[in-house]
Amino acid sequence: MRCDQRCEHCMLNLHGESPRVHHIKPSEDGGAHTLSNLIVLCPNCSWKVKNGDIDRAALKQIIDEKELENARINNLAAREIDEWFIGLDNTVIYLV
């Protein structure tokens, strides 16, 4: 889970809370039902978004930063796997 059971805005632990999933760009304005346009919020932050106290652009920045970090992690993992295979020289590996 991308949010690790925390509000992606204030980082409140959502254990025992009812998380709210918000469209960053509202669906009525053409916002897609995709992970890059959705954010998990606590009830308080959800209320603040609805009232305009939290800017949707700030929410988009949070998700963009998380997606960038995930891409970095995935690239690092791929490089480590490549280096491991290169380090095997002529060893035969059987993948089951």
PDB file of N, CA and C in Angstrom:
ATOM      1  N   MET A   1       0.852  -1.178   0.000  1.00  0.00           N
ATOM      2  CA  MET A   1       0.000   0.000   0.000  1.00  0.00           C
ATOM      3  C   MET A   1       0.894   1.237   0.000  1.00  0.00           C
ATOM      4  N   ARG A   2       0.654   2.136  -0.927  1.00  0.00           N
ATOM      5  CA  ARG A   2       1.501   3.320  -1.074  1.00  0.00           C
ATOM      6  C   ARG A   2       1.513   4.177   0.184  1.00  0.00           C
ATOM      7  N   CYS A   3       0.391   4.268   0.868  1.00  0.00           N
ATOM      8  CA  CYS A   3       0.302   5.178   2.014  1.00  0.00           C
ATOM      9  C   CYS A   3       0.724   4.536   3.328  1.00  0.00           C
ATOM     10  N   ASP A   4       0.946   3.234   3.352  1.00  0.00           N
ATOM     11  CA  ASP A   4       1.360   2.534   4.564  1.00  0.00           C
ATOM     12  C   ASP A   4       0.414   2.816   5.730  1.00  0.00           C
ATOM     13  N   GLN A   5      -0.876   2.857   5.440  1.00  0.00           N
ATOM     14  CA  GLN A   5      -1.937   3.098   6.430  1.00  0.00           C
ATOM     15  C   GLN A   5      -1.775   4.437   7.140  1.00  0.00           C
ATOM     16  N   ARG A   6      -1.312   5.437   6.385  1.00  0.00           N
ATOM     17  CA  ARG A   6      -1.178   6.795   6.913  1.00  0.00           C
ATOM     18  C   ARG A   6      -1.835   7.779   5.953  1.00  0.00           C
ATOM     19  N   CYS A   7      -2.301   8.880   6.504  1.00  0.00           N
ATOM     20  CA  CYS A   7      -2.794   9.968   5.675  1.00  0.00           C
ATOM     21  C   CYS A   7      -1.608  10.466   4.858  1.00  0.00           C
ATOM     22  N   GLU A   8      -1.783  10.572   3.544  1.00  0.00           N
ATOM     23  CA  GLU A   8      -0.663  10.975   2.701  1.00  0.00           C
ATOM     24  C   GLU A   8      -0.386  12.472   2.775  1.00  0.00           C
ATOM     25  N   HIS A   9      -1.230  13.214   3.484  1.00  0.00           N
ATOM     26  CA  HIS A   9      -0.968  14.645   3.661  1.00  0.00           C
ATOM     27  C   HIS A   9      -0.335  14.928   5.015  1.00  0.00           C
ATOM     28  N   CYS A  10      -0.979  14.537   6.107  1.00  0.00           N
ATOM     29  CA  CYS A  10      -0.468  14.860   7.450  1.00  0.00           C
ATOM     30  C   CYS A  10       0.277  13.703   8.111  1.00  0.00           C
ATOM     31  N   MET A  11       0.264  12.526   7.466  1.00  0.00           N
ATOM     32  CA  MET A  11       0.944  11.324   7.948  1.00  0.00           C
ATOM     33  C   MET A  11       0.322  10.717   9.200  1.00  0.00           C
ATOM     34  N   LEU A  12      -0.905  11.099   9.539  1.00  0.00           N
ATOM     35  CA  LEU A  12      -1.605  10.505  10.677  1.00  0.00           C
ATOM     36  C   LEU A  12      -1.783   9.011  10.440  1.00  0.00           C
ATOM     37  N   ASN A  13      -1.512   8.203  11.476  1.00  0.00           N
ATOM     38  CA  ASN A  13      -1.738   6.769  11.385  1.00  0.00           C
ATOM     39  C   ASN A  13      -3.242   6.532  11.294  1.00  0.00           C
ATOM     40  N   LEU A  14      -3.664   5.825  10.246  1.00  0.00           N
ATOM     41  CA  LEU A  14      -5.088   5.615  10.007  1.00  0.00           C
ATOM     42  C   LEU A  14      -5.634   4.350  10.647  1.00  0.00           C
ATOM     43  N   HIS A  15      -4.845   3.691  11.494  1.00  0.00           N
ATOM     44  CA  HIS A  15      -5.334   2.500  12.180  1.00  0.00           C
ATOM     45  C   HIS A  15      -6.531   2.890  13.039  1.00  0.00           C
ATOM     46  N   GLY A  16      -7.657   2.282  12.766  1.00  0.00           N
ATOM     47  CA  GLY A  16      -8.869   2.605  13.511  1.00  0.00           C
ATOM     48  C   GLY A  16      -9.646   3.776  12.934  1.00  0.00           C
ATOM     49  N   GLU A  17      -9.085   4.457  11.963  1.00  0.00           N
ATOM     50  CA  GLU A  17      -9.761   5.581  11.307  1.00  0.00           C
ATOM     51  C   GLU A  17     -10.419   5.094  10.025  1.00  0.00           C
ATOM     52  N   SER A  18     -11.269   5.896   9.475  1.00  0.00           N
ATOM     53  CA  SER A  18     -11.872   5.602   8.178  1.00  0.00           C
ATOM     54  C   SER A  18     -11.160   6.446   7.124  1.00  0.00           C
ATOM     55  N   PRO A  19     -10.230   5.845   6.379  1.00  0.00           N
ATOM     56  CA  PRO A  19      -9.515   6.633   5.374  1.00  0.00           C
ATOM     57  C   PRO A  19     -10.444   7.075   4.255  1.00  0.00           C
ATOM     58  N   ARG A  20     -10.135   8.216   3.687  1.00  0.00           N
ATOM     59  CA  ARG A  20     -10.888   8.750   2.549  1.00  0.00           C
ATOM     60  C   ARG A  20      -9.960   8.748   1.335  1.00  0.00           C
ATOM     61  N   VAL A  21     -10.458   8.286   0.209  1.00  0.00           N
ATOM     62  CA  VAL A  21      -9.690   8.322  -1.027  1.00  0.00           C
ATOM     63  C   VAL A  21     -10.240   9.477  -1.864  1.00  0.00           C
ATOM     64  N   HIS A  22      -9.360  10.429  -2.149  1.00  0.00           N
ATOM     65  CA  HIS A  22      -9.760  11.625  -2.893  1.00  0.00           C
ATOM     66  C   HIS A  22      -9.165  11.623  -4.285  1.00  0.00           C
ATOM     67  N   HIS A  23      -9.924  12.149  -5.238  1.00  0.00           N
ATOM     68  CA  HIS A  23      -9.376  12.461  -6.551  1.00  0.00           C
ATOM     69  C   HIS A  23      -8.633  13.789  -6.414  1.00  0.00           C
ATOM     70  N   ILE A  24      -7.411  13.835  -6.888  1.00  0.00           N
ATOM     71  CA  ILE A  24      -6.679  15.102  -6.849  1.00  0.00           C
ATOM     72  C   ILE A  24      -7.323  16.072  -7.830  1.00  0.00           C
ATOM     73  N   LYS A  25      -7.522  15.618  -9.071  1.00  0.00           N
ATOM     74  CA  LYS A  25      -8.346  16.359 -10.013  1.00  0.00           C
ATOM     75  C   LYS A  25      -9.707  15.674  -9.973  1.00  0.00           C
ATOM     76  N   PRO A  26     -10.734  16.364  -9.516  1.00  0.00           N
ATOM     77  CA  PRO A  26     -12.048  15.731  -9.352  1.00  0.00           C
ATOM     78  C   PRO A  26     -12.534  15.042 -10.627  1.00  0.00           C
ATOM     79  N   SER A  27     -13.226  13.931 -10.445  1.00  0.00           N
ATOM     80  CA  SER A  27     -13.722  13.169 -11.593  1.00  0.00           C
ATOM     81  C   SER A  27     -14.706  14.002 -12.420  1.00  0.00           C
ATOM     82  N   GLU A  28     -15.462  14.872 -11.774  1.00  0.00           N
ATOM     83  CA  GLU A  28     -16.404  15.717 -12.529  1.00  0.00           C
ATOM     84  C   GLU A  28     -15.683  16.758 -13.390  1.00  0.00           C
ATOM     85  N   ASP A  29     -14.391  16.974 -13.103  1.00  0.00           N
ATOM     86  CA  ASP A  29     -13.570  17.873 -13.927  1.00  0.00           C
ATOM     87  C   ASP A  29     -12.682  17.091 -14.885  1.00  0.00           C
ATOM     88  N   GLY A  30     -12.981  15.803 -15.054  1.00  0.00           N
ATOM     89  CA  GLY A  30     -12.205  14.981 -15.986  1.00  0.00           C
ATOM     90  C   GLY A  30     -11.073  14.210 -15.336  1.00  0.00           C
ATOM     91  N   GLY A  31     -10.999  14.221 -14.009  1.00  0.00           N
ATOM     92  CA  GLY A  31      -9.950  13.483 -13.307  1.00  0.00           C
ATOM     93  C   GLY A  31     -10.121  11.984 -13.455  1.00  0.00           C
ATOM     94  N   ALA A  32      -9.017  11.320 -13.717  1.00  0.00           N
ATOM     95  CA  ALA A  32      -9.036   9.872 -13.940  1.00  0.00           C
ATOM     96  C   ALA A  32      -9.089   9.109 -12.619  1.00  0.00           C
ATOM     97  N   HIS A  33      -9.551   7.867 -12.711  1.00  0.00           N
ATOM     98  CA  HIS A  33      -9.566   6.960 -11.560  1.00  0.00           C
ATOM     99  C   HIS A  33      -8.265   6.158 -11.576  1.00  0.00           C
ATOM    100  N   THR A  34      -7.133   6.844 -11.465  1.00  0.00           N
ATOM    101  CA  THR A  34      -5.819   6.208 -11.506  1.00  0.00           C
ATOM    102  C   THR A  34      -5.061   6.529 -10.225  1.00  0.00           C
ATOM    103  N   LEU A  35      -4.075   5.687  -9.907  1.00  0.00           N
ATOM    104  CA  LEU A  35      -3.301   5.912  -8.679  1.00  0.00           C
ATOM    105  C   LEU A  35      -2.628   7.278  -8.661  1.00  0.00           C
ATOM    106  N   SER A  36      -2.219   7.765  -9.834  1.00  0.00           N
ATOM    107  CA  SER A  36      -1.541   9.063  -9.867  1.00  0.00           C
ATOM    108  C   SER A  36      -2.509  10.225  -9.644  1.00  0.00           C
ATOM    109  N   ASN A  37      -3.813   9.954  -9.653  1.00  0.00           N
ATOM    110  CA  ASN A  37      -4.794  11.001  -9.398  1.00  0.00           C
ATOM    111  C   ASN A  37      -5.590  10.745  -8.111  1.00  0.00           C
ATOM    112  N   LEU A  38      -5.152   9.767  -7.318  1.00  0.00           N
ATOM    113  CA  LEU A  38      -5.846   9.455  -6.067  1.00  0.00           C
ATOM    114  C   LEU A  38      -4.896   9.625  -4.890  1.00  0.00           C
ATOM    115  N   ILE A  39      -5.450  10.044  -3.768  1.00  0.00           N
ATOM    116  CA  ILE A  39      -4.659  10.204  -2.551  1.00  0.00           C
ATOM    117  C   ILE A  39      -5.501   9.753  -1.364  1.00  0.00           C
ATOM    118  N   VAL A  40      -4.867   9.091  -0.399  1.00  0.00           N
ATOM    119  CA  VAL A  40      -5.541   8.622   0.806  1.00  0.00           C
ATOM    120  C   VAL A  40      -5.363   9.683   1.895  1.00  0.00           C
ATOM    121  N   LEU A  41      -6.481  10.097   2.471  1.00  0.00           N
ATOM    122  CA  LEU A  41      -6.466  11.147   3.487  1.00  0.00           C
ATOM    123  C   LEU A  41      -7.211  10.709   4.738  1.00  0.00           C
ATOM    124  N   CYS A  42      -6.846  11.313   5.859  1.00  0.00           N
ATOM    125  CA  CYS A  42      -7.596  11.120   7.101  1.00  0.00           C
ATOM    126  C   CYS A  42      -8.874  11.962   6.996  1.00  0.00           C
ATOM    127  N   PRO A  43      -9.845  11.717   7.853  1.00  0.00           N
ATOM    128  CA  PRO A  43     -11.091  12.500   7.784  1.00  0.00           C
ATOM    129  C   PRO A  43     -10.866  14.014   7.899  1.00  0.00           C
ATOM    130  N   ASN A  44      -9.918  14.430   8.741  1.00  0.00           N
ATOM    131  CA  ASN A  44      -9.661  15.854   8.922  1.00  0.00           C
ATOM    132  C   ASN A  44      -9.108  16.493   7.646  1.00  0.00           C
ATOM    133  N   CYS A  45      -8.106  15.855   7.031  1.00  0.00           N
ATOM    134  CA  CYS A  45      -7.536  16.398   5.801  1.00  0.00           C
ATOM    135  C   CYS A  45      -8.551  16.348   4.662  1.00  0.00           C
ATOM    136  N   SER A  46      -9.377  15.314   4.646  1.00  0.00           N
ATOM    137  CA  SER A  46     -10.434  15.210   3.640  1.00  0.00           C
ATOM    138  C   SER A  46     -11.373  16.418   3.743  1.00  0.00           C
ATOM    139  N   TRP A  47     -11.758  16.744   4.941  1.00  0.00           N
ATOM    140  CA  TRP A  47     -12.633  17.889   5.172  1.00  0.00           C
ATOM    141  C   TRP A  47     -11.957  19.180   4.715  1.00  0.00           C
ATOM    142  N   LYS A  48     -10.654  19.309   5.014  1.00  0.00           N
ATOM    143  CA  LYS A  48      -9.914  20.514   4.617  1.00  0.00           C
ATOM    144  C   LYS A  48      -9.815  20.650   3.098  1.00  0.00           C
ATOM    145  N   VAL A  49      -9.667  19.530   2.400  1.00  0.00           N
ATOM    146  CA  VAL A  49      -9.626  19.581   0.932  1.00  0.00           C
ATOM    147  C   VAL A  49     -10.977  20.054   0.402  1.00  0.00           C
ATOM    148  N   LYS A  50     -12.047  19.486   0.927  1.00  0.00           N
ATOM    149  CA  LYS A  50     -13.392  19.867   0.470  1.00  0.00           C
ATOM    150  C   LYS A  50     -13.666  21.345   0.703  1.00  0.00           C
ATOM    151  N   ASN A  51     -13.120  21.908   1.790  1.00  0.00           N
ATOM    152  CA  ASN A  51     -13.339  23.321   2.114  1.00  0.00           C
ATOM    153  C   ASN A  51     -12.303  24.251   1.492  1.00  0.00           C
ATOM    154  N   GLY A  52     -11.350  23.686   0.757  1.00  0.00           N
ATOM    155  CA  GLY A  52     -10.349  24.517   0.097  1.00  0.00           C
ATOM    156  C   GLY A  52      -9.189  24.938   0.986  1.00  0.00           C
ATOM    157  N   ASP A  53      -9.099  24.374   2.192  1.00  0.00           N
ATOM    158  CA  ASP A  53      -7.998  24.719   3.095  1.00  0.00           C
ATOM    159  C   ASP A  53      -6.694  24.013   2.712  1.00  0.00           C
ATOM    160  N   ILE A  54      -6.796  22.922   1.962  1.00  0.00           N
ATOM    161  CA  ILE A  54      -5.624  22.228   1.429  1.00  0.00           C
ATOM    162  C   ILE A  54      -5.731  22.302  -0.088  1.00  0.00           C
ATOM    163  N   ASP A  55      -4.697  22.840  -0.695  1.00  0.00           N
ATOM    164  CA  ASP A  55      -4.653  23.025  -2.137  1.00  0.00           C
ATOM    165  C   ASP A  55      -4.431  21.689  -2.840  1.00  0.00           C
ATOM    166  N   ARG A  56      -5.209  21.425  -3.871  1.00  0.00           N
ATOM    167  CA  ARG A  56      -5.063  20.179  -4.620  1.00  0.00           C
ATOM    168  C   ARG A  56      -3.702  20.089  -5.311  1.00  0.00           C
ATOM    169  N   ALA A  57      -3.109  21.213  -5.650  1.00  0.00           N
ATOM    170  CA  ALA A  57      -1.774  21.196  -6.259  1.00  0.00           C
ATOM    171  C   ALA A  57      -0.748  20.640  -5.274  1.00  0.00           C
ATOM    172  N   ALA A  58      -0.936  20.927  -3.985  1.00  0.00           N
ATOM    173  CA  ALA A  58      -0.038  20.388  -2.957  1.00  0.00           C
ATOM    174  C   ALA A  58      -0.201  18.866  -2.863  1.00  0.00           C
ATOM    175  N   LEU A  59      -1.428  18.389  -3.016  1.00  0.00           N
ATOM    176  CA  LEU A  59      -1.666  16.943  -2.994  1.00  0.00           C
ATOM    177  C   LEU A  59      -1.007  16.288  -4.199  1.00  0.00           C
ATOM    178  N   LYS A  60      -1.094  16.930  -5.365  1.00  0.00           N
ATOM    179  CA  LYS A  60      -0.473  16.398  -6.576  1.00  0.00           C
ATOM    180  C   LYS A  60       1.042  16.316  -6.396  1.00  0.00           C
ATOM    181  N   GLN A  61       1.624  17.310  -5.755  1.00  0.00           N
ATOM    182  CA  GLN A  61       3.068  17.308  -5.516  1.00  0.00           C
ATOM    183  C   GLN A  61       3.466  16.136  -4.611  1.00  0.00           C
ATOM    184  N   ILE A  62       2.668  15.839  -3.600  1.00  0.00           N
ATOM    185  CA  ILE A  62       2.947  14.707  -2.707  1.00  0.00           C
ATOM    186  C   ILE A  62       2.982  13.413  -3.506  1.00  0.00           C
ATOM    187  N   ILE A  63       1.980  13.205  -4.358  1.00  0.00           N
ATOM    188  CA  ILE A  63       1.905  11.971  -5.152  1.00  0.00           C
ATOM    189  C   ILE A  63       3.036  11.925  -6.170  1.00  0.00           C
ATOM    190  N   ASP A  64       3.323  13.044  -6.818  1.00  0.00           N
ATOM    191  CA  ASP A  64       4.424  13.077  -7.795  1.00  0.00           C
ATOM    192  C   ASP A  64       5.750  12.703  -7.136  1.00  0.00           C
ATOM    193  N   GLU A  65       5.999  13.220  -5.925  1.00  0.00           N
ATOM    194  CA  GLU A  65       7.235  12.893  -5.212  1.00  0.00           C
ATOM    195  C   GLU A  65       7.293  11.415  -4.847  1.00  0.00           C
ATOM    196  N   LYS A  66       6.161  10.847  -4.434  1.00  0.00           N
ATOM    197  CA  LYS A  66       6.129   9.419  -4.104  1.00  0.00           C
ATOM    198  C   LYS A  66       6.377   8.567  -5.340  1.00  0.00           C
ATOM    199  N   GLU A  67       5.789   8.944  -6.464  1.00  0.00           N
ATOM    200  CA  GLU A  67       5.992   8.188  -7.700  1.00  0.00           C
ATOM    201  C   GLU A  67       7.447   8.272  -8.153  1.00  0.00           C
ATOM    202  N   LEU A  68       8.057   9.442  -7.992  1.00  0.00           N
ATOM    203  CA  LEU A  68       9.469   9.604  -8.340  1.00  0.00           C
ATOM    204  C   LEU A  68      10.346   8.729  -7.444  1.00  0.00           C
ATOM    205  N   GLU A  69      10.055   8.709  -6.159  1.00  0.00           N
ATOM    206  CA  GLU A  69      10.828   7.877  -5.229  1.00  0.00           C
ATOM    207  C   GLU A  69      10.661   6.397  -5.554  1.00  0.00           C
ATOM    208  N   ASN A  70       9.440   5.979  -5.880  1.00  0.00           N
ATOM    209  CA  ASN A  70       9.208   4.584  -6.262  1.00  0.00           C
ATOM    210  C   ASN A  70       9.986   4.219  -7.520  1.00  0.00           C
ATOM    211  N   ALA A  71      10.050   5.135  -8.478  1.00  0.00           N
ATOM    212  CA  ALA A  71      10.814   4.885  -9.699  1.00  0.00           C
ATOM    213  C   ALA A  71      12.297   4.737  -9.372  1.00  0.00           C
ATOM    214  N   ARG A  72      12.811   5.577  -8.471  1.00  0.00           N
ATOM    215  CA  ARG A  72      14.219   5.472  -8.063  1.00  0.00           C
ATOM    216  C   ARG A  72      14.493   4.113  -7.411  1.00  0.00           C
ATOM    217  N   ILE A  73      13.607   3.693  -6.535  1.00  0.00           N
ATOM    218  CA  ILE A  73      13.772   2.405  -5.844  1.00  0.00           C
ATOM    219  C   ILE A  73      13.749   1.268  -6.860  1.00  0.00           C
ATOM    220  N   ASN A  74      12.803   1.316  -7.798  1.00  0.00           N
ATOM    221  CA  ASN A  74      12.716   0.268  -8.814  1.00  0.00           C
ATOM    222  C   ASN A  74      13.962   0.234  -9.689  1.00  0.00           C
ATOM    223  N   ASN A  75      14.487   1.403 -10.057  1.00  0.00           N
ATOM    224  CA  ASN A  75      15.707   1.451 -10.863  1.00  0.00           C
ATOM    225  C   ASN A  75      16.897   0.903 -10.089  1.00  0.00           C
ATOM    226  N   LEU A  76      16.986   1.230  -8.815  1.00  0.00           N
ATOM    227  CA  LEU A  76      18.072   0.721  -7.979  1.00  0.00           C
ATOM    228  C   LEU A  76      17.986  -0.788  -7.876  1.00  0.00           C
ATOM    229  N   ALA A  77      16.799  -1.310  -7.646  1.00  0.00           N
ATOM    230  CA  ALA A  77      16.625  -2.760  -7.546  1.00  0.00           C
ATOM    231  C   ALA A  77      17.012  -3.440  -8.858  1.00  0.00           C
ATOM    232  N   ALA A  78      16.626  -2.856  -9.981  1.00  0.00           N
ATOM    233  CA  ALA A  78      16.969  -3.443 -11.283  1.00  0.00           C
ATOM    234  C   ALA A  78      18.477  -3.444 -11.485  1.00  0.00           C
ATOM    235  N   ARG A  79      19.169  -2.369 -11.092  1.00  0.00           N
ATOM    236  CA  ARG A  79      20.633  -2.315 -11.227  1.00  0.00           C
ATOM    237  C   ARG A  79      21.303  -3.353 -10.340  1.00  0.00           C
ATOM    238  N   GLU A  80      20.794  -3.526  -9.124  1.00  0.00           N
ATOM    239  CA  GLU A  80      21.379  -4.514  -8.220  1.00  0.00           C
ATOM    240  C   GLU A  80      21.218  -5.924  -8.786  1.00  0.00           C
ATOM    241  N   ILE A  81      20.065  -6.203  -9.380  1.00  0.00           N
ATOM    242  CA  ILE A  81      19.859  -7.517  -9.992  1.00  0.00           C
ATOM    243  C   ILE A  81      20.811  -7.699 -11.165  1.00  0.00           C
ATOM    244  N   ASP A  82      20.948  -6.660 -11.998  1.00  0.00           N
ATOM    245  CA  ASP A  82      21.872  -6.736 -13.139  1.00  0.00           C
ATOM    246  C   ASP A  82      23.298  -6.983 -12.665  1.00  0.00           C
ATOM    247  N   GLU A  83      23.720  -6.256 -11.637  1.00  0.00           N
ATOM    248  CA  GLU A  83      25.086  -6.420 -11.116  1.00  0.00           C
ATOM    249  C   GLU A  83      25.283  -7.822 -10.551  1.00  0.00           C
ATOM    250  N   TRP A  84      24.255  -8.363  -9.914  1.00  0.00           N
ATOM    251  CA  TRP A  84      24.355  -9.712  -9.361  1.00  0.00           C
ATOM    252  C   TRP A  84      24.557 -10.716 -10.478  1.00  0.00           C
ATOM    253  N   PHE A  85      23.756 -10.590 -11.554  1.00  0.00           N
ATOM    254  CA  PHE A  85      23.900 -11.509 -12.677  1.00  0.00           C
ATOM    255  C   PHE A  85      25.251 -11.346 -13.357  1.00  0.00           C
ATOM    256  N   ILE A  86      25.728 -10.116 -13.519  1.00  0.00           N
ATOM    257  CA  ILE A  86      27.037  -9.874 -14.142  1.00  0.00           C
ATOM    258  C   ILE A  86      28.138 -10.499 -13.293  1.00  0.00           C
ATOM    259  N   GLY A  87      27.990 -10.447 -11.984  1.00  0.00           N
ATOM    260  CA  GLY A  87      28.984 -10.999 -11.080  1.00  0.00           C
ATOM    261  C   GLY A  87      29.050 -12.510 -11.097  1.00  0.00           C
ATOM    262  N   LEU A  88      28.083 -13.160 -11.701  1.00  0.00           N
ATOM    263  CA  LEU A  88      28.061 -14.621 -11.738  1.00  0.00           C
ATOM    264  C   LEU A  88      28.983 -15.195 -12.808  1.00  0.00           C
ATOM    265  N   ASP A  89      29.507 -14.354 -13.683  1.00  0.00           N
ATOM    266  CA  ASP A  89      30.370 -14.777 -14.788  1.00  0.00           C
ATOM    267  C   ASP A  89      29.685 -15.843 -15.625  1.00  0.00           C
ATOM    268  N   ASN A  90      30.239 -17.030 -15.650  1.00  0.00           N
ATOM    269  CA  ASN A  90      29.711 -18.090 -16.502  1.00  0.00           C
ATOM    270  C   ASN A  90      28.889 -19.112 -15.736  1.00  0.00           C
ATOM    271  N   THR A  91      28.463 -18.762 -14.536  1.00  0.00           N
ATOM    272  CA  THR A  91      27.676 -19.686 -13.747  1.00  0.00           C
ATOM    273  C   THR A  91      26.310 -19.885 -14.399  1.00  0.00           C
ATOM    274  N   VAL A  92      25.859 -21.113 -14.474  1.00  0.00           N
ATOM    275  CA  VAL A  92      24.551 -21.416 -15.041  1.00  0.00           C
ATOM    276  C   VAL A  92      23.509 -21.315 -13.942  1.00  0.00           C
ATOM    277  N   ILE A  93      22.440 -20.615 -14.225  1.00  0.00           N
ATOM    278  CA  ILE A  93      21.359 -20.445 -13.273  1.00  0.00           C
ATOM    279  C   ILE A  93      20.101 -21.050 -13.862  1.00  0.00           C
ATOM    280  N   TYR A  94      19.441 -21.854 -13.076  1.00  0.00           N
ATOM    281  CA  TYR A  94      18.171 -22.441 -13.501  1.00  0.00           C
ATOM    282  C   TYR A  94      17.062 -21.748 -12.721  1.00  0.00           C
ATOM    283  N   LEU A  95      16.199 -21.074 -13.436  1.00  0.00           N
ATOM    284  CA  LEU A  95      15.060 -20.412 -12.792  1.00  0.00           C
ATOM    285  C   LEU A  95      13.896 -21.378 -12.827  1.00  0.00           C
ATOM    286  N   VAL A  96      13.322 -21.618 -11.695  1.00  0.00           N
ATOM    287  CA  VAL A  96      12.221 -22.566 -11.592  1.00  0.00           C
ATOM    288  C   VAL A  96      10.928 -21.835 -11.425  1.00  0.00           C
TER     289      VAL A  96
END
